N, C-alpha and C. Protein backbone atom coordinates (compact mmCIF):
# COMPACT_ATOMS: atom_id res chain seq x y z
N UNK A 1 94.97 119.13 95.84
CA UNK A 1 94.18 118.76 96.70
C UNK A 1 95.33 117.50 97.34
N UNK A 2 95.81 117.98 98.23
CA UNK A 2 97.69 116.66 99.25
C UNK A 2 96.09 115.59 99.91
N UNK A 3 97.27 114.91 99.85
CA UNK A 3 96.98 113.02 100.43
C UNK A 3 97.62 113.17 101.77
N UNK A 4 96.31 112.50 102.16
CA UNK A 4 97.20 112.43 103.81
C UNK A 4 97.92 110.72 103.83
N UNK A 5 99.35 111.04 104.28
CA UNK A 5 100.09 109.45 104.34
C UNK A 5 99.11 108.11 103.94
N UNK A 6 98.51 107.91 105.12
CA UNK A 6 97.68 107.01 104.58
C UNK A 6 97.20 106.88 103.20
N UNK A 7 96.43 107.72 102.66
CA UNK A 7 95.38 107.65 101.54
C UNK A 7 96.87 107.56 100.29
N UNK A 8 97.66 108.05 100.43
CA UNK A 8 99.34 107.94 99.68
C UNK A 8 99.73 106.27 99.46
N UNK A 9 99.55 105.99 100.51
CA UNK A 9 100.28 104.30 101.01
C UNK A 9 99.01 103.76 100.27
N UNK A 10 97.89 104.19 100.56
CA UNK A 10 96.95 102.85 99.67
C UNK A 10 96.90 103.43 98.28
N UNK A 11 97.37 104.07 97.76
CA UNK A 11 97.20 104.35 95.90
C UNK A 11 98.64 103.86 95.69
N UNK A 12 99.80 103.39 96.71
CA UNK A 12 101.07 103.23 96.11
C UNK A 12 100.66 101.70 95.76
N UNK A 13 100.00 101.15 95.93
CA UNK A 13 99.83 99.46 95.42
C UNK A 13 99.25 99.61 94.05
N UNK A 14 97.76 100.52 94.26
CA UNK A 14 96.98 100.30 92.61
C UNK A 14 97.91 101.26 91.59
N UNK A 15 98.55 102.12 91.90
CA UNK A 15 99.36 102.73 91.19
C UNK A 15 100.16 101.83 90.88
N UNK A 16 101.20 101.31 91.70
CA UNK A 16 102.10 100.47 90.86
C UNK A 16 101.31 99.42 90.03
N UNK A 17 100.21 98.97 90.40
CA UNK A 17 100.05 97.76 89.56
C UNK A 17 99.57 98.09 87.78
N UNK A 18 99.07 99.46 87.90
CA UNK A 18 98.66 100.33 87.14
C UNK A 18 99.66 100.83 86.07
N UNK A 19 100.90 100.91 86.77
CA UNK A 19 102.00 101.92 86.12
C UNK A 19 102.63 100.73 85.33
N UNK A 20 102.56 99.53 85.54
CA UNK A 20 102.95 98.23 85.04
C UNK A 20 101.92 97.86 84.07
N UNK A 21 100.75 97.97 84.33
CA UNK A 21 99.90 97.68 82.91
C UNK A 21 99.90 98.91 82.17
N UNK A 22 100.40 99.79 82.44
CA UNK A 22 100.59 100.93 81.29
C UNK A 22 101.93 100.98 80.61
N UNK A 23 102.99 100.45 81.35
CA UNK A 23 104.06 100.28 80.74
C UNK A 23 103.40 98.89 79.70
N UNK A 24 103.43 97.89 79.99
CA UNK A 24 103.14 96.77 78.99
C UNK A 24 101.85 97.29 77.69
N UNK A 25 101.19 97.87 77.82
CA UNK A 25 100.28 98.64 77.10
C UNK A 25 100.88 98.96 75.70
N UNK A 26 102.18 100.34 76.11
CA UNK A 26 103.16 100.90 75.53
C UNK A 26 104.16 99.42 75.02
N UNK A 27 104.26 98.25 75.20
CA UNK A 27 105.18 97.79 74.63
C UNK A 27 104.18 96.67 73.82
N UNK A 28 102.82 96.72 73.81
CA UNK A 28 101.93 96.10 72.78
C UNK A 28 101.32 97.03 72.09
N UNK A 29 101.45 97.79 72.36
CA UNK A 29 101.06 98.83 71.34
C UNK A 29 102.33 98.86 69.70
N UNK A 30 103.85 98.39 69.94
CA UNK A 30 105.64 98.68 69.68
C UNK A 30 105.31 97.15 69.32
N UNK A 31 105.00 96.61 70.10
CA UNK A 31 106.00 95.13 69.93
C UNK A 31 104.62 93.99 69.89
N UNK A 32 103.57 93.99 69.41
CA UNK A 32 102.56 93.64 69.27
C UNK A 32 102.15 92.11 69.30
N UNK A 33 103.21 91.02 68.77
CA UNK A 33 103.41 89.90 68.70
C UNK A 33 104.02 89.10 69.69
N UNK A 34 105.22 89.78 70.25
CA UNK A 34 105.77 89.35 70.94
C UNK A 34 105.49 90.12 72.60
N UNK A 35 104.61 90.97 72.99
CA UNK A 35 104.08 90.94 74.32
C UNK A 35 102.91 90.11 74.59
N UNK A 36 101.65 89.77 73.19
CA UNK A 36 101.04 89.30 73.19
C UNK A 36 101.22 87.64 73.24
N UNK A 37 102.58 87.38 72.77
CA UNK A 37 102.69 85.92 73.02
C UNK A 37 103.57 85.67 74.43
N UNK A 38 103.45 87.01 75.03
CA UNK A 38 104.35 86.67 76.78
C UNK A 38 103.03 86.60 77.05
N UNK A 39 101.79 87.14 76.96
CA UNK A 39 100.48 87.38 78.19
C UNK A 39 99.95 86.55 78.22
N UNK A 40 99.96 86.03 76.25
CA UNK A 40 99.00 84.61 76.40
C UNK A 40 99.67 83.52 77.25
N UNK A 41 101.13 83.29 76.95
CA UNK A 41 102.07 81.76 77.72
C UNK A 41 101.69 82.22 78.96
N UNK A 42 101.68 83.90 80.09
CA UNK A 42 101.67 83.65 81.56
C UNK A 42 100.52 83.67 81.72
N UNK A 43 99.14 83.74 80.98
CA UNK A 43 98.09 83.33 81.36
C UNK A 43 97.42 82.31 81.51
N UNK A 44 98.09 81.51 80.27
CA UNK A 44 97.95 80.18 80.30
C UNK A 44 98.47 79.40 81.23
N UNK A 45 99.54 79.94 81.88
CA UNK A 45 100.45 79.33 83.18
C UNK A 45 99.51 79.73 84.49
N UNK A 46 98.92 80.41 84.74
CA UNK A 46 98.03 80.69 85.50
C UNK A 46 96.53 80.50 85.58
N UNK A 47 96.43 79.57 84.63
CA UNK A 47 94.70 78.72 84.89
C UNK A 47 94.78 77.91 85.59
N UNK A 48 93.49 77.38 86.08
CA UNK A 48 93.38 76.52 86.83
C UNK A 48 93.90 75.13 86.21
N UNK A 49 94.26 74.28 86.82
CA UNK A 49 95.33 72.93 86.38
C UNK A 49 95.54 71.88 87.62
N UNK A 50 96.39 71.30 87.55
CA UNK A 50 96.54 70.45 88.86
C UNK A 50 96.75 70.83 89.74
N UNK A 51 97.37 72.15 89.73
CA UNK A 51 97.49 73.20 91.10
C UNK A 51 96.63 74.34 90.46
N UNK A 52 95.56 74.60 91.99
CA UNK A 52 95.21 75.63 91.66
C UNK A 52 95.92 77.40 91.99
N UNK A 53 94.71 77.89 91.41
CA UNK A 53 95.19 79.06 91.33
C UNK A 53 95.87 79.99 92.48
N UNK A 54 95.22 79.98 93.38
CA UNK A 54 96.12 80.93 94.41
C UNK A 54 97.41 79.91 94.96
N UNK A 55 97.53 78.45 94.60
CA UNK A 55 99.09 78.08 95.20
C UNK A 55 99.90 78.31 93.94
N UNK A 56 99.57 79.08 92.80
CA UNK A 56 99.99 79.26 91.63
C UNK A 56 100.63 80.92 91.84
N UNK A 57 99.39 81.82 92.69
CA UNK A 57 99.79 82.81 92.80
C UNK A 57 100.93 83.06 94.26
N UNK A 58 100.66 82.00 94.91
CA UNK A 58 101.70 81.79 95.91
C UNK A 58 103.15 81.45 95.48
N UNK A 59 102.87 80.65 94.28
CA UNK A 59 104.64 80.40 93.92
C UNK A 59 105.26 81.55 93.41
N UNK A 60 103.95 82.14 92.45
CA UNK A 60 104.69 83.65 91.89
C UNK A 60 105.31 84.84 92.67
N UNK A 61 104.20 84.36 93.80
CA UNK A 61 104.74 85.26 94.88
C UNK A 61 106.61 85.23 95.43
N UNK A 62 106.19 83.77 95.96
CA UNK A 62 107.79 83.44 96.41
C UNK A 62 108.98 83.48 95.35
N UNK A 63 108.60 83.88 94.24
CA UNK A 63 109.83 83.35 93.46
C UNK A 63 110.04 85.00 93.08
N UNK A 64 109.17 86.19 92.96
CA UNK A 64 108.96 87.85 93.23
C UNK A 64 109.43 88.12 94.44
N UNK A 65 109.52 87.65 95.24
CA UNK A 65 110.36 88.09 96.54
C UNK A 65 111.59 87.69 96.56
N UNK A 66 111.81 86.50 95.91
CA UNK A 66 113.36 86.01 95.89
C UNK A 66 114.40 86.74 94.87
N UNK A 67 113.32 87.12 93.53
CA UNK A 67 113.96 88.08 92.53
C UNK A 67 114.15 89.45 93.01
N UNK A 68 113.20 89.67 93.92
CA UNK A 68 113.67 91.27 94.44
C UNK A 68 112.62 91.76 93.26
N UNK A 69 111.66 91.71 92.88
CA UNK A 69 111.12 92.27 91.86
C UNK A 69 109.30 92.88 92.22
N UNK A 70 109.70 94.01 92.68
CA UNK A 70 108.55 94.92 93.24
C UNK A 70 107.36 94.87 93.05
N UNK A 71 106.95 94.60 91.48
CA UNK A 71 106.10 94.50 90.97
C UNK A 71 105.64 93.24 90.92
N UNK A 72 106.39 92.21 90.65
CA UNK A 72 105.90 90.89 91.19
C UNK A 72 105.37 90.67 92.43
N UNK A 73 105.83 91.49 93.66
CA UNK A 73 105.78 91.29 95.04
C UNK A 73 104.05 91.39 94.88
N UNK A 74 104.15 92.79 94.14
CA UNK A 74 102.54 93.24 94.79
C UNK A 74 101.59 92.79 93.99
N UNK A 75 101.67 92.35 92.09
CA UNK A 75 100.73 91.84 91.89
C UNK A 75 100.62 90.51 92.08
N UNK A 76 101.32 89.67 92.67
CA UNK A 76 101.24 88.30 93.18
C UNK A 76 100.24 87.94 94.48
N UNK A 77 100.95 88.85 95.52
CA UNK A 77 100.01 88.90 96.50
C UNK A 77 98.90 89.54 96.77
N UNK A 78 98.56 90.61 95.51
CA UNK A 78 97.27 90.78 94.79
C UNK A 78 96.09 89.68 94.51
N UNK A 79 96.94 88.90 93.84
CA UNK A 79 96.36 87.62 93.04
C UNK A 79 96.15 86.26 93.91
N UNK A 80 96.78 86.73 95.24
CA UNK A 80 96.97 85.05 96.51
C UNK A 80 95.58 85.78 97.39
N UNK A 81 95.49 87.03 97.41
CA UNK A 81 94.67 87.17 98.13
C UNK A 81 93.58 86.56 97.24
N UNK A 82 93.11 88.08 95.78
CA UNK A 82 92.10 87.80 95.74
C UNK A 82 91.59 86.04 95.16
N UNK A 83 92.43 84.85 95.20
CA UNK A 83 92.61 83.66 95.06
C UNK A 83 91.78 83.12 96.84
N UNK A 84 91.54 83.97 97.79
CA UNK A 84 91.86 83.35 99.09
C UNK A 84 92.69 82.95 100.22
N UNK A 85 93.67 83.67 99.46
CA UNK A 85 95.12 83.41 100.52
C UNK A 85 94.73 84.00 101.62
N UNK A 86 95.37 83.51 102.97
CA UNK A 86 95.41 83.62 103.79
C UNK A 86 96.47 84.77 104.56
N UNK A 87 96.51 85.31 105.64
CA UNK A 87 97.62 85.96 106.31
C UNK A 87 99.02 84.78 106.45
N UNK A 88 98.77 83.63 107.13
CA UNK A 88 99.65 82.33 107.27
C UNK A 88 99.83 81.93 106.02
N UNK A 89 99.35 82.13 104.71
CA UNK A 89 99.44 81.47 103.89
C UNK A 89 100.69 82.30 103.31
N UNK A 90 100.39 83.47 103.33
CA UNK A 90 101.29 84.35 103.13
C UNK A 90 102.73 84.33 103.54
N UNK A 91 102.83 84.42 104.87
CA UNK A 91 104.13 84.77 105.91
C UNK A 91 104.67 83.02 105.65
N UNK A 92 104.34 81.80 105.32
CA UNK A 92 104.87 80.71 104.89
C UNK A 92 105.68 80.62 103.47
N UNK A 93 104.53 81.35 102.50
CA UNK A 93 105.41 81.68 101.11
C UNK A 93 106.71 83.02 101.26
N UNK A 94 106.47 83.85 102.22
CA UNK A 94 107.85 84.89 102.55
C UNK A 94 108.75 84.21 103.48
N UNK A 95 108.31 83.03 104.02
CA UNK A 95 109.35 82.09 104.81
C UNK A 95 110.25 81.35 103.80
N UNK A 96 109.55 80.58 103.02
CA UNK A 96 109.82 79.44 102.14
C UNK A 96 111.18 80.23 101.18
N UNK A 97 110.71 81.53 100.83
CA UNK A 97 111.52 82.54 99.87
C UNK A 97 112.70 82.87 100.79
N UNK A 98 112.39 83.62 101.95
CA UNK A 98 113.24 83.86 102.72
C UNK A 98 114.55 82.54 103.18
N UNK A 99 113.99 81.65 103.31
CA UNK A 99 114.96 80.30 103.50
C UNK A 99 116.22 80.11 102.46
N UNK A 100 115.48 80.71 101.18
CA UNK A 100 116.36 80.57 99.89
C UNK A 100 116.83 81.74 99.34
N UNK A 101 116.59 82.86 100.12
CA UNK A 101 117.00 84.00 99.39
C UNK A 101 117.54 84.83 100.57
N UNK A 102 117.59 84.61 101.64
CA UNK A 102 118.05 85.02 102.70
C UNK A 102 117.28 86.70 103.19
N UNK A 103 118.35 87.31 103.71
CA UNK A 103 117.96 88.63 104.08
C UNK A 103 116.93 89.52 103.04
N UNK A 104 117.68 89.62 101.93
CA UNK A 104 117.38 90.54 101.07
C UNK A 104 115.95 90.21 100.77
N UNK A 105 115.53 88.58 100.60
CA UNK A 105 114.28 88.49 100.65
C UNK A 105 113.48 88.14 101.63
N UNK A 106 113.72 88.42 102.94
CA UNK A 106 113.12 88.25 104.13
C UNK A 106 112.34 89.95 104.22
N UNK A 107 113.67 90.25 103.77
CA UNK A 107 113.25 92.13 104.41
C UNK A 107 112.11 92.45 103.12
N UNK A 108 111.59 92.15 102.06
CA UNK A 108 110.94 92.50 100.91
C UNK A 108 109.60 91.75 101.16
N UNK A 109 109.87 90.43 102.11
CA UNK A 109 108.52 89.75 102.60
C UNK A 109 107.98 90.52 103.53
N UNK A 110 108.48 90.69 104.49
CA UNK A 110 107.98 91.66 105.76
C UNK A 110 107.56 92.74 105.75
N UNK A 111 107.62 93.50 104.45
CA UNK A 111 107.36 95.18 104.38
C UNK A 111 106.52 94.82 103.35
N UNK A 112 106.95 94.65 102.23
CA UNK A 112 106.43 94.66 100.72
C UNK A 112 105.09 94.24 100.93
N UNK A 113 105.31 92.66 100.38
CA UNK A 113 104.66 91.61 100.59
C UNK A 113 103.60 92.01 101.79
N UNK A 114 103.65 91.69 102.91
CA UNK A 114 102.83 92.17 104.23
C UNK A 114 102.00 93.21 103.62
N UNK A 115 102.55 94.09 103.40
CA UNK A 115 101.71 95.73 103.43
C UNK A 115 101.06 95.57 102.47
N UNK A 116 101.20 94.88 101.17
CA UNK A 116 99.93 94.72 100.13
C UNK A 116 98.90 93.43 100.64
N UNK A 117 99.59 92.42 101.05
CA UNK A 117 98.65 92.05 101.82
C UNK A 117 97.59 92.29 102.42
N UNK A 118 97.69 93.35 103.74
CA UNK A 118 97.61 93.71 104.60
C UNK A 118 96.55 95.17 103.57
N UNK A 119 96.52 95.56 102.87
CA UNK A 119 96.23 96.54 101.76
C UNK A 119 94.89 96.18 101.17
N UNK A 120 94.96 94.59 100.20
CA UNK A 120 94.34 93.87 99.61
C UNK A 120 92.95 93.56 100.48
N UNK A 121 93.78 93.00 101.35
CA UNK A 121 92.64 92.07 102.58
C UNK A 121 91.53 93.27 102.64
N UNK A 122 92.08 94.47 103.00
CA UNK A 122 90.76 95.51 103.32
C UNK A 122 90.11 95.93 102.70
N UNK A 123 90.80 96.02 101.03
CA UNK A 123 89.89 96.71 99.72
C UNK A 123 88.90 95.49 99.80
N UNK A 124 89.36 93.99 99.67
CA UNK A 124 88.30 93.02 99.71
C UNK A 124 87.20 92.56 100.72
N UNK A 125 87.39 93.26 101.22
CA UNK A 125 86.37 93.33 102.81
C UNK A 125 85.64 94.52 102.89
């Protein structure tokens, strides 16, 4: 069964996040203490605290864009949307990251981050 280009694009985001999760499971199977320690730490970092979950996702998105980490860009854009981030908040996060990371950060933000935002904003509604 052939997918049309729009379906392939839609499945790209979910497939990429699934790819990360499957890779993580592989590591968890072979290096359970190390992997679980990392997961426990990151989970604790993203819990509600003095900084709300949405803002933590936006910070992680900005860092992901700066670091050119496509999995983090998709994962944290999705997380930001799930915690109520608006298009303007995503755009401002892209702008801050680009102010520090230059053209490479800007190009990742205006393409991958915004495409991911559009996809998960539509899925959410």
